[in-house]
């Protein structure tokens, strides 16, 4: 199960709506081994596409160096779908290289709202584990704030 605080959930949805009609993408980092999504990092979709996302390689390398220095790891890797449901495509599955991460998809497709994708209205927000090409959907629990770390 993905447990995510309301502010981070809202930030991911806002990023997806803001970048619509292009796909948005980003990472939520957290302390290594904690499964705590704590630091929201919106990224640039280098593909600039409504049907594909690609992290900018320079930006991604800088983020990974920063995470290593801070003993962090990517807890959530997110992107949006602008015309389809929030389910990983074959390309998404092929790109999934972090077996410990939660892969969040947000759909801003008009079919999930009476409004256009970047306006107010509901979105579809779903989370998956993707390991060795196998996709498993998981429950998402949105909380006011994350519980205090243990240990």
Foldseek 3Di string as FASTA:
>chain_A
DQEAAPVLVVVQLLQCLVLPLAKWWWFQKDAPPQLYRDRTDTFDQPVSHSADGDGDVVVVVVVVVVCVVVNMDGAEIEMEHEADAFDDDQVNLVPPDDQNHKYKYKYLHCVQAVDHSNDDGDIDIWIWGRDPSDTDTDDYHYHNDDDDGDD
